[in-house]
Each structure stands twice: as structure tokens, then as C-alpha cells.
Protein backbone atom coordinates (compact mmCIF):
# COMPACT_ATOMS: atom_id res chain seq x y z
CA MET A 1 -26.21 7.73 -4.05
CA VAL A 2 -22.89 8.15 -2.56
CA PHE A 3 -21.54 11.66 -1.42
CA PHE A 4 -17.66 12.16 -0.79
CA LYS A 5 -16.41 15.11 1.54
CA GLY A 6 -13.77 16.08 -1.15
CA ASN A 7 -12.67 15.29 -4.65
CA GLU A 8 -9.23 13.74 -2.80
CA GLU A 9 -11.48 11.03 -0.75
CA LYS A 10 -13.13 9.95 -4.02
CA GLU A 11 -9.77 9.72 -6.02
CA ASN A 12 -8.52 7.64 -2.98
CA LEU A 13 -11.43 5.42 -3.41
CA GLU A 14 -10.74 4.78 -6.75
CA ALA A 15 -7.28 3.88 -6.51
CA VAL A 16 -8.01 1.33 -3.92
CA LEU A 17 -10.60 -0.24 -6.33
CA LYS A 18 -7.89 -0.08 -9.39
CA ASP A 19 -5.68 -1.77 -7.24
CA SER A 20 -8.12 -4.55 -5.64
CA ILE A 21 -8.91 -5.13 -9.62
CA GLU A 22 -5.50 -5.67 -10.31
CA ILE A 23 -4.98 -8.10 -7.32
CA GLU A 24 -8.18 -10.08 -8.01
CA GLU A 25 -7.15 -10.26 -11.74
CA ASP A 26 -3.41 -11.71 -10.62
CA LEU A 27 -4.91 -14.19 -8.72
CA MET A 28 -7.47 -15.43 -11.13
CA ARG A 29 -4.76 -15.78 -13.59
CA THR A 30 -2.20 -17.54 -10.98
CA TYR A 31 -4.94 -19.98 -10.12
CA LEU A 32 -6.14 -20.60 -13.85
CA ILE A 33 -2.07 -21.22 -14.78
CA THR A 34 -1.93 -23.71 -12.02
CA ALA A 35 -5.30 -25.37 -12.71
CA GLU A 36 -3.92 -26.14 -16.14
CA ARG A 37 -0.39 -27.73 -14.58
CA VAL A 38 -2.28 -29.88 -12.53
CA HIS A 39 -2.83 -33.00 -14.28
CA ASP A 40 -3.07 -36.10 -11.17
CA ASP A 41 -5.55 -34.13 -8.66
CA ASP A 42 -8.84 -33.42 -10.18
CA GLU A 43 -10.21 -32.05 -6.80
CA LEU A 44 -7.32 -29.66 -6.92
CA LYS A 45 -7.61 -28.67 -10.07
CA GLU A 46 -11.44 -28.04 -9.60
CA ARG A 47 -10.90 -25.87 -6.35
CA LEU A 48 -8.31 -23.74 -8.58
CA GLU A 49 -10.91 -23.41 -11.16
CA ASN A 50 -13.32 -22.22 -8.31
CA PHE A 51 -11.07 -19.97 -6.76
CA ALA A 52 -10.46 -18.36 -10.18
CA GLU A 53 -14.20 -17.99 -10.99
CA GLY A 54 -14.64 -16.31 -7.44
CA ASN A 55 -11.79 -13.83 -8.51
CA ALA A 56 -13.92 -12.92 -11.72
CA LYS A 57 -16.64 -12.53 -9.70
CA ARG A 58 -15.17 -9.85 -7.52
CA THR A 59 -13.37 -8.32 -10.35
CA LYS A 60 -16.71 -7.68 -11.76
CA GLN A 61 -18.24 -6.56 -8.50
CA LEU A 62 -15.14 -4.02 -8.22
CA ILE A 63 -15.43 -3.03 -11.69
CA ASP A 64 -18.88 -1.90 -11.29
CA GLU A 65 -18.66 -0.44 -8.01
CA LEU A 66 -15.36 1.87 -9.64
CA ASN A 67 -17.99 2.48 -12.54
CA GLU A 68 -20.40 3.73 -9.97
CA THR A 69 -18.17 6.09 -8.01
CA LYS A 70 -16.99 7.73 -11.39
CA GLU A 71 -20.30 8.35 -12.04
CA THR A 72 -20.85 10.30 -8.60
């Protein structure tokens, strides 16, 4: 269980998590779009897809954290 000193601190944490989610989602889209445009380098395409997958996992973790924060 997480305890916050005040409502403002909790709101700040929620804002940071929401901003982080947006950043991760933007990066994920960028990597996927770029991977789709790569036709002559399978290794680069795969790395970009792996980056996008990593961002998707981090996004899910941030959403879970945000939801947990809202529940407390």
C-alpha cells in the first residue's frame, strides 16, 4: 500500500505517470512506423519492432501503476 503526504503529491505522481504513458506510446508508434518503412534491412526492422514491443510493455506497466495510484 502506498501512502502519500498530501493530495498534491499524489496528483503530481499521476501527472508524471500520464506524461510517461504518452511518451512511451509516441515512441512505440514511431518505432512501428519506421519499421514498416524499412525494406532493405531485416535486422534493423526487427530491432525497431523489439523497441516498440518494449515500449508497449512499459506503457502497460505505467498504466497499471497509474491505476494502482488512483485506487489508494
